[in-house]
Amino acid sequence: MENKSTSWVSLEWFHPENFQRFDWQQVEWFYALALIPLLLLLRWLISVQLKQKLPIALTKADLRSSPITYLRFIPPIFFVLSLALIIISLARPQTTNEQIEEWSEGIDIVLNIDISESMRIEDFRPNRLEAAKSAANNFVDGRFQDRIGLVIFSGDALPSCPLTTDYGLLHEMINDVDFEKIENRGTAIGNAIASGINFLREAVSESKVMILLSDGDNTAGNVDPITAANLADAYNIKMYVIAIGRDGKVPFGTDFFGRPRMVENQFDETTLREIAKIGNGKFYRVSDKDALVAVFKEIDQLEKAEVKETRYKDTTDFYYIYLKWAVVFMLMWLITKSTFLTNVLAD
C-alpha cells in the first residue's frame, strides 16, 4: 500500500480522468484561471516600461539567437503553475461515497393456502394449488422487510412457517407444500383463520394482514369461519379473501382412455365474502392464473409499508495534494528568480 505521506508526489494527480472523477465544491474559482494570462500581460507591460535597456552597436553578423535566452522564462512558469494549483485547491476537489440504507417498519402477513382435494382441479395450469404457490412466491419476492408466515389447510389447519423475514426459507416452505401434508380431507376455513390469528395476535407491527386463498365452502374443522373472522377483527387483522376456480365443467384428472375428465364445480361465495367484509379487507374471485397474479399484485400495492432511507456520505478532500504542489512550485520560483536565469539578456 502506498505511503500516504508521499502519495501526493505522484503525477497521476494531473491525469484528466482524475479531474473528471472529482466533485468540485467551489467550482467558481476556476474563473480565476482566466486572470493568470492577464497578470502575465500586465507584468510584461510593466517590465517593458521599467526595464533598463543597454544600447549596443553590433554588426548583423554578430546577431545570433541563443537557446540560453529562453531560460529566463523558467521562473515565471513556476510562478504561473503555483498560482494555477492554488486556484485548483480553492475549488475544493473531493470524492463522495454515498451509501443508502433502506428500511421500513414492516407489515406482518400470514398466507393461508387451501390444499384440499379440489385444489387438484386443472382449470389453472398445472392445477389450482401449483398456481397458488407460484403467485404466493411472486408476492413474497415483492415484499421488503415484512414478516410473512404460512398456514396450509384442508380438513385441518397446519401452521407451516412462523412469521419470518427469511424469504429463502419461506420460498422453500411454499415450494414444499403438497396434498399429502394433511391427512384429514375437507376444507376447514375457520381452523385456518384461527391458526393465522395465533401467528399475528402478539405481533407489534402497526399493520397485520391475512390472505386466505380457498376454492370451497367450509366443510370441516371445529371453528366457525365467521366466529374466527370476528376474532381476527378484534386483533385488528385485515382479511383479504381469494376465491379460486371456475364454476361449471372443469377438468379434473383423466379417464380410462387418458382424456381429460370433466367434473361439475360450484361453491357458495357467501361465507368468504362475509369473512372479507368482517376483516375490513377485500374479496376476490379469480377464474384464471393471470387474474390470480393480478390480485396478488393489487394486495401487494395496497399493503405496502413506507420504505424509509438513511443516507451516509463519506467525503474525502484532495485540495491539500494540489496545495503541496503549489508550495513546491512557489519555492522553485523563489529560488530560480534570484539566480542567473532571470538575468539572461533578452533581445
Protein backbone atom coordinates (compact mmCIF):
# COMPACT_ATOMS: atom_id res chain seq x y z
CA MET A 1 0.00 0.00 0.00
CA GLU A 2 1.38 3.42 -0.95
CA ASN A 3 2.64 5.60 1.89
CA LYS A 4 0.02 8.32 2.46
CA SER A 5 2.68 10.89 3.39
CA THR A 6 4.33 10.65 -0.06
CA SER A 7 1.41 9.65 -2.27
CA TRP A 8 0.79 13.28 -3.25
CA VAL A 9 4.01 13.40 -5.32
CA SER A 10 2.55 11.06 -7.97
CA LEU A 11 1.98 12.65 -11.36
CA GLU A 12 -1.26 10.67 -11.61
CA TRP A 13 -2.98 13.54 -9.77
CA PHE A 14 -2.67 15.55 -13.01
CA HIS A 15 -4.28 12.96 -15.30
CA PRO A 16 -7.53 14.21 -16.91
CA GLU A 17 -9.53 11.23 -15.59
CA ASN A 18 -8.64 12.24 -12.04
CA PHE A 19 -10.04 15.72 -12.56
CA GLN A 20 -13.22 14.23 -14.07
CA ARG A 21 -13.92 12.00 -11.07
CA PHE A 22 -13.71 14.84 -8.55
CA ASP A 23 -16.69 16.70 -7.12
CA TRP A 24 -15.68 20.39 -7.15
CA GLN A 25 -17.27 22.20 -4.22
CA GLN A 26 -16.16 25.74 -5.18
CA VAL A 27 -16.14 25.44 -8.95
CA GLU A 28 -16.45 29.21 -9.42
CA TRP A 29 -12.77 29.54 -8.54
CA PHE A 30 -11.91 28.16 -12.00
CA TYR A 31 -12.90 31.55 -13.45
CA ALA A 32 -9.83 32.92 -11.70
CA LEU A 33 -7.64 30.88 -14.07
CA ALA A 34 -8.53 33.39 -16.77
CA LEU A 35 -6.85 36.13 -14.69
CA ILE A 36 -3.43 34.47 -14.94
CA PRO A 37 -2.82 35.46 -18.61
CA LEU A 38 -3.94 38.99 -17.71
CA LEU A 39 -1.43 39.10 -14.86
CA LEU A 40 1.32 37.92 -17.19
CA LEU A 41 0.38 40.57 -19.76
CA LEU A 42 0.34 43.27 -17.09
CA ARG A 43 3.72 42.10 -15.76
CA TRP A 44 5.20 42.19 -19.28
CA LEU A 45 3.88 45.71 -19.94
CA ILE A 46 5.31 46.98 -16.66
CA SER A 47 8.65 45.29 -17.26
CA VAL A 48 8.86 46.79 -20.75
CA GLN A 49 8.36 50.25 -19.30
CA LEU A 50 10.67 49.89 -16.33
CA LYS A 51 13.38 47.54 -17.63
CA GLN A 52 16.75 49.21 -18.23
CA LYS A 53 17.98 48.93 -21.79
CA LEU A 54 21.61 48.84 -22.83
CA PRO A 55 22.19 50.09 -26.37
CA ILE A 56 24.95 48.10 -28.09
CA ALA A 57 26.01 48.56 -31.69
CA LEU A 58 26.61 45.19 -33.32
CA THR A 59 27.04 44.16 -36.90
CA LYS A 60 24.45 41.91 -38.45
CA ALA A 61 26.91 39.02 -38.44
CA ASP A 62 27.27 39.27 -34.65
CA LEU A 63 23.50 38.94 -34.01
CA ARG A 64 22.92 35.28 -33.13
CA SER A 65 19.98 33.79 -31.21
CA SER A 66 20.94 31.51 -28.31
CA PRO A 67 18.68 28.93 -26.61
CA ILE A 68 20.09 30.10 -23.30
CA THR A 69 17.97 33.24 -23.55
CA TYR A 70 14.80 31.13 -23.16
CA LEU A 71 15.88 30.06 -19.67
CA ARG A 72 14.56 33.37 -18.41
CA PHE A 73 11.02 32.01 -18.84
CA ILE A 74 11.51 29.20 -16.32
CA PRO A 75 10.88 31.25 -13.11
CA PRO A 76 7.63 32.79 -14.49
CA ILE A 77 6.46 29.30 -15.49
CA PHE A 78 7.00 28.09 -11.93
CA PHE A 79 5.06 31.10 -10.65
CA VAL A 80 2.15 30.51 -13.06
CA LEU A 81 1.96 26.81 -12.13
CA SER A 82 1.92 27.73 -8.45
CA LEU A 83 -0.96 30.19 -8.97
CA ALA A 84 -2.93 27.66 -11.05
CA LEU A 85 -2.52 24.96 -8.41
CA ILE A 86 -3.60 27.34 -5.63
CA ILE A 87 -6.78 28.07 -7.62
CA ILE A 88 -7.38 24.31 -8.10
CA SER A 89 -7.01 23.84 -4.34
CA LEU A 90 -9.51 26.62 -3.66
CA ALA A 91 -12.00 24.83 -5.95
CA ARG A 92 -12.00 22.03 -3.33
CA PRO A 93 -11.61 18.74 -5.25
CA GLN A 94 -13.18 15.87 -3.33
CA THR A 95 -14.81 12.50 -3.80
CA THR A 96 -18.04 11.41 -2.16
CA ASN A 97 -19.02 7.83 -1.44
CA GLU A 98 -22.75 7.83 -0.69
CA GLN A 99 -24.37 4.80 0.93
CA ILE A 100 -28.13 4.43 1.20
CA GLU A 101 -29.65 2.21 3.85
CA GLU A 102 -33.29 1.33 3.24
CA TRP A 103 -35.56 0.16 5.99
CA SER A 104 -39.20 0.04 6.93
CA GLU A 105 -41.29 -0.76 9.96
CA GLY A 106 -42.73 -3.70 8.00
CA ILE A 107 -46.06 -5.49 7.93
CA ASP A 108 -46.93 -8.87 9.42
CA ILE A 109 -48.63 -11.10 6.85
CA VAL A 110 -49.97 -14.65 7.01
CA LEU A 111 -50.63 -16.61 3.82
CA ASN A 112 -53.47 -19.14 4.27
CA ILE A 113 -53.45 -21.64 1.38
CA ASP A 114 -56.08 -24.31 0.80
CA ILE A 115 -54.67 -27.77 -0.09
CA SER A 116 -57.96 -29.68 -0.16
CA GLU A 117 -58.59 -32.26 -2.89
CA SER A 118 -60.49 -29.78 -5.03
CA MET A 119 -57.26 -27.76 -5.41
CA ARG A 120 -56.15 -30.55 -7.79
CA ILE A 121 -58.66 -29.30 -10.37
CA GLU A 122 -56.87 -28.27 -13.56
CA ASP A 123 -58.77 -25.17 -14.65
CA PHE A 124 -55.49 -23.49 -13.59
CA ARG A 125 -52.34 -24.99 -15.07
CA PRO A 126 -50.99 -27.35 -13.92
CA ASN A 127 -53.60 -27.21 -11.13
CA ARG A 128 -55.06 -24.72 -8.66
CA LEU A 129 -52.54 -25.43 -5.90
CA GLU A 130 -49.48 -25.01 -8.10
CA ALA A 131 -50.89 -21.76 -9.49
CA ALA A 132 -51.49 -20.53 -5.93
CA LYS A 133 -47.92 -21.47 -4.89
CA SER A 134 -46.45 -19.63 -7.88
CA ALA A 135 -48.48 -16.47 -7.16
CA ALA A 136 -47.55 -16.65 -3.46
CA ASN A 137 -43.84 -16.91 -4.32
CA ASN A 138 -44.09 -13.86 -6.59
CA PHE A 139 -45.87 -11.98 -3.82
CA VAL A 140 -43.09 -12.78 -1.33
CA ASP A 141 -40.47 -11.56 -3.83
CA GLY A 142 -42.16 -8.16 -3.91
CA ARG A 143 -42.02 -7.59 -0.16
CA PHE A 144 -39.37 -5.68 1.78
CA GLN A 145 -38.68 -6.23 5.49
CA ASP A 146 -42.15 -7.67 6.08
CA ARG A 147 -42.56 -10.69 8.32
CA ILE A 148 -44.53 -13.35 6.47
CA GLY A 149 -45.91 -16.64 7.77
CA LEU A 150 -47.57 -19.63 6.10
CA VAL A 151 -50.59 -21.74 7.10
CA ILE A 152 -51.94 -24.57 4.95
CA PHE A 153 -55.29 -26.25 5.45
CA SER A 154 -57.66 -28.89 4.20
CA GLY A 155 -59.64 -30.96 6.77
CA ASP A 156 -57.46 -29.32 9.44
CA ALA A 157 -55.03 -26.39 9.59
CA LEU A 158 -51.24 -26.78 9.73
CA PRO A 159 -49.01 -23.81 10.69
CA SER A 160 -46.10 -24.37 8.28
CA CYS A 161 -43.85 -21.34 8.72
CA PRO A 162 -43.91 -18.75 11.52
CA LEU A 163 -43.59 -15.05 10.76
CA THR A 164 -40.15 -14.51 9.25
CA THR A 165 -38.12 -12.19 7.05
CA ASP A 166 -36.06 -15.14 5.83
CA TYR A 167 -37.68 -15.22 2.41
CA GLY A 168 -35.39 -18.01 1.23
CA LEU A 169 -36.78 -20.27 3.95
CA LEU A 170 -40.31 -19.14 3.16
CA HIS A 171 -39.88 -19.99 -0.53
CA GLU A 172 -38.70 -23.47 0.45
CA MET A 173 -41.76 -23.92 2.66
CA ILE A 174 -44.15 -22.78 -0.09
CA ASN A 175 -42.50 -24.98 -2.72
CA ASP A 176 -42.69 -27.94 -0.34
CA VAL A 177 -46.49 -27.67 0.04
CA ASP A 178 -48.39 -30.67 -1.39
CA PHE A 179 -51.64 -32.52 -0.86
CA GLU A 180 -50.07 -35.09 1.47
CA LYS A 181 -49.20 -32.60 4.22
CA ILE A 182 -52.58 -33.05 5.94
CA GLU A 183 -54.40 -36.39 6.10
CA ASN A 184 -57.86 -35.09 7.02
CA ARG A 185 -59.92 -34.22 3.97
CA GLY A 186 -62.30 -31.31 3.69
CA THR A 187 -61.96 -27.53 3.94
CA ALA A 188 -61.51 -26.18 7.47
CA ILE A 189 -61.58 -22.43 6.78
CA GLY A 190 -62.37 -21.47 10.41
CA ASN A 191 -59.40 -23.51 11.72
CA ALA A 192 -57.13 -21.90 9.12
CA ILE A 193 -58.11 -18.39 10.24
CA ALA A 194 -57.60 -19.36 13.88
CA SER A 195 -54.09 -20.66 13.12
CA GLY A 196 -53.24 -17.41 11.34
CA ILE A 197 -54.52 -15.44 14.34
CA ASN A 198 -52.10 -17.38 16.57
CA PHE A 199 -49.23 -16.09 14.44
CA LEU A 200 -50.48 -12.50 14.36
CA ARG A 201 -52.14 -11.80 17.70
CA GLU A 202 -48.91 -10.93 19.55
CA ALA A 203 -47.32 -9.08 16.62
CA VAL A 204 -46.36 -5.50 17.45
CA SER A 205 -46.44 -4.11 13.90
CA GLU A 206 -48.98 -1.42 13.09
CA SER A 207 -50.43 -3.46 10.22
CA LYS A 208 -51.43 -7.14 10.38
CA VAL A 209 -52.77 -8.90 7.29
CA MET A 210 -54.12 -12.35 6.48
CA ILE A 211 -54.52 -13.57 2.89
CA LEU A 212 -56.92 -16.51 2.67
CA LEU A 213 -56.96 -18.49 -0.57
CA SER A 214 -59.58 -21.23 -0.96
CA ASP A 215 -61.74 -22.89 -3.58
CA GLY A 216 -64.54 -24.28 -1.47
CA ASP A 217 -67.07 -23.97 1.30
CA ASN A 218 -66.23 -24.64 4.93
CA THR A 219 -66.82 -28.42 5.30
CA ALA A 220 -64.54 -29.44 8.18
CA GLY A 221 -62.89 -28.23 11.38
CA ASN A 222 -64.26 -27.24 14.76
CA VAL A 223 -64.10 -23.44 14.42
CA ASP A 224 -66.86 -21.48 12.73
CA PRO A 225 -65.37 -19.26 9.95
CA ILE A 226 -67.49 -16.22 10.87
CA THR A 227 -66.54 -16.54 14.55
CA ALA A 228 -62.88 -16.79 13.52
CA ALA A 229 -63.24 -13.71 11.30
CA ASN A 230 -64.70 -11.68 14.17
CA LEU A 231 -61.83 -12.79 16.38
CA ALA A 232 -59.35 -11.68 13.70
CA ASP A 233 -61.08 -8.30 13.57
CA ALA A 234 -60.71 -8.00 17.35
CA TYR A 235 -56.95 -8.33 16.87
CA ASN A 236 -57.02 -5.68 14.09
CA ILE A 237 -56.14 -8.24 11.42
CA LYS A 238 -57.18 -7.24 7.91
CA MET A 239 -58.56 -10.09 5.81
CA TYR A 240 -58.06 -10.47 2.06
CA VAL A 241 -60.01 -13.43 0.69
CA ILE A 242 -59.35 -15.02 -2.73
CA ALA A 243 -61.88 -17.49 -4.10
CA ILE A 244 -60.09 -19.52 -6.78
CA GLY A 245 -61.70 -21.57 -9.55
CA ARG A 246 -64.34 -21.53 -12.24
CA ASP A 247 -67.95 -22.64 -11.91
CA GLY A 248 -69.34 -25.28 -14.24
CA LYS A 249 -67.47 -28.06 -16.02
CA VAL A 250 -63.78 -28.12 -15.15
CA PRO A 251 -61.02 -30.67 -15.98
CA PHE A 252 -60.04 -32.98 -13.13
CA GLY A 253 -57.65 -35.81 -13.99
CA THR A 254 -58.14 -38.21 -16.91
CA ASP A 255 -60.49 -41.03 -17.75
CA PHE A 256 -59.65 -44.64 -18.71
CA PHE A 257 -58.60 -43.53 -22.20
CA GLY A 258 -56.37 -40.68 -20.95
CA ARG A 259 -58.82 -37.98 -21.93
CA PRO A 260 -59.47 -35.01 -19.56
CA ARG A 261 -62.25 -35.88 -17.14
CA MET A 262 -64.74 -33.03 -16.69
CA VAL A 263 -66.45 -32.55 -13.33
CA GLU A 264 -69.04 -30.07 -12.13
CA ASN A 265 -67.64 -27.35 -9.86
CA GLN A 266 -69.64 -24.78 -7.91
CA PHE A 267 -69.49 -23.32 -4.44
CA ASP A 268 -71.19 -20.65 -2.43
CA GLU A 269 -69.13 -17.46 -2.02
CA THR A 270 -71.33 -16.08 0.76
CA THR A 271 -69.10 -17.15 3.67
CA LEU A 272 -65.88 -16.00 2.02
CA ARG A 273 -67.38 -12.61 1.14
CA GLU A 274 -68.56 -12.18 4.73
CA ILE A 275 -65.09 -13.01 6.08
CA ALA A 276 -63.55 -10.28 3.90
CA LYS A 277 -66.23 -7.80 4.98
CA ILE A 278 -65.72 -8.52 8.69
CA GLY A 279 -61.96 -8.30 8.22
CA ASN A 280 -62.16 -4.84 6.56
CA GLY A 281 -60.37 -6.24 3.54
CA LYS A 282 -61.46 -7.25 0.05
CA PHE A 283 -62.95 -10.30 -1.62
CA TYR A 284 -61.67 -11.51 -4.99
CA ARG A 285 -63.00 -14.19 -7.33
CA VAL A 286 -60.41 -15.40 -9.86
CA SER A 287 -61.03 -17.82 -12.69
CA ASP A 288 -57.60 -17.98 -14.34
CA LYS A 289 -53.92 -17.70 -13.46
CA ASP A 290 -53.49 -14.16 -14.82
CA ALA A 291 -56.33 -12.93 -12.61
CA LEU A 292 -54.74 -14.63 -9.60
CA VAL A 293 -51.39 -12.95 -10.27
CA ALA A 294 -53.16 -9.59 -10.68
CA VAL A 295 -54.93 -10.00 -7.34
CA PHE A 296 -51.68 -10.67 -5.50
CA LYS A 297 -50.15 -7.64 -7.20
CA GLU A 298 -53.07 -5.48 -6.06
CA ILE A 299 -52.76 -6.72 -2.47
CA ASP A 300 -49.02 -6.09 -2.69
CA GLN A 301 -49.69 -2.45 -3.59
CA LEU A 302 -52.46 -1.98 -1.03
CA GLU A 303 -50.31 -3.27 1.82
CA LYS A 304 -47.01 -1.53 1.17
CA ALA A 305 -45.15 -0.27 4.22
CA GLU A 306 -43.49 3.11 3.89
CA VAL A 307 -39.87 2.47 2.95
CA LYS A 308 -37.52 4.93 4.62
CA GLU A 309 -33.91 5.53 3.82
CA THR A 310 -30.86 6.81 5.62
CA ARG A 311 -28.05 8.32 3.54
CA TYR A 312 -24.43 8.23 4.63
CA LYS A 313 -21.88 10.42 2.87
CA ASP A 314 -18.17 9.67 3.17
CA THR A 315 -16.37 12.71 1.72
CA THR A 316 -12.61 12.80 1.10
CA ASP A 317 -10.85 16.11 0.31
CA PHE A 318 -7.89 16.29 -2.08
CA TYR A 319 -7.20 20.03 -2.10
CA TYR A 320 -4.07 19.50 0.01
CA ILE A 321 -2.49 17.47 -2.82
CA TYR A 322 -2.53 20.45 -5.18
CA LEU A 323 -1.69 22.88 -2.42
CA LYS A 324 1.51 20.95 -1.69
CA TRP A 325 2.42 21.05 -5.36
CA ALA A 326 1.70 24.79 -5.37
CA VAL A 327 4.13 25.27 -2.48
CA VAL A 328 6.78 23.26 -4.35
CA PHE A 329 6.48 25.41 -7.47
CA MET A 330 6.38 28.60 -5.39
CA LEU A 331 9.66 27.61 -3.68
CA MET A 332 11.20 26.80 -7.07
CA TRP A 333 10.11 30.21 -8.32
CA LEU A 334 11.64 31.96 -5.29
CA ILE A 335 14.89 30.04 -5.75
CA THR A 336 15.24 30.50 -9.51
CA LYS A 337 14.19 34.15 -9.66
CA SER A 338 17.30 35.09 -7.68
CA THR A 339 19.65 33.17 -9.96
CA PHE A 340 21.26 33.89 -13.34
CA LEU A 341 18.10 32.63 -15.06
CA THR A 342 16.38 35.96 -14.52
CA ASN A 343 19.46 37.88 -15.63
CA VAL A 344 19.80 36.31 -19.05
CA LEU A 345 19.94 39.08 -21.61
CA ALA A 346 16.89 39.48 -23.77
CA ASP A 347 16.98 40.84 -27.27
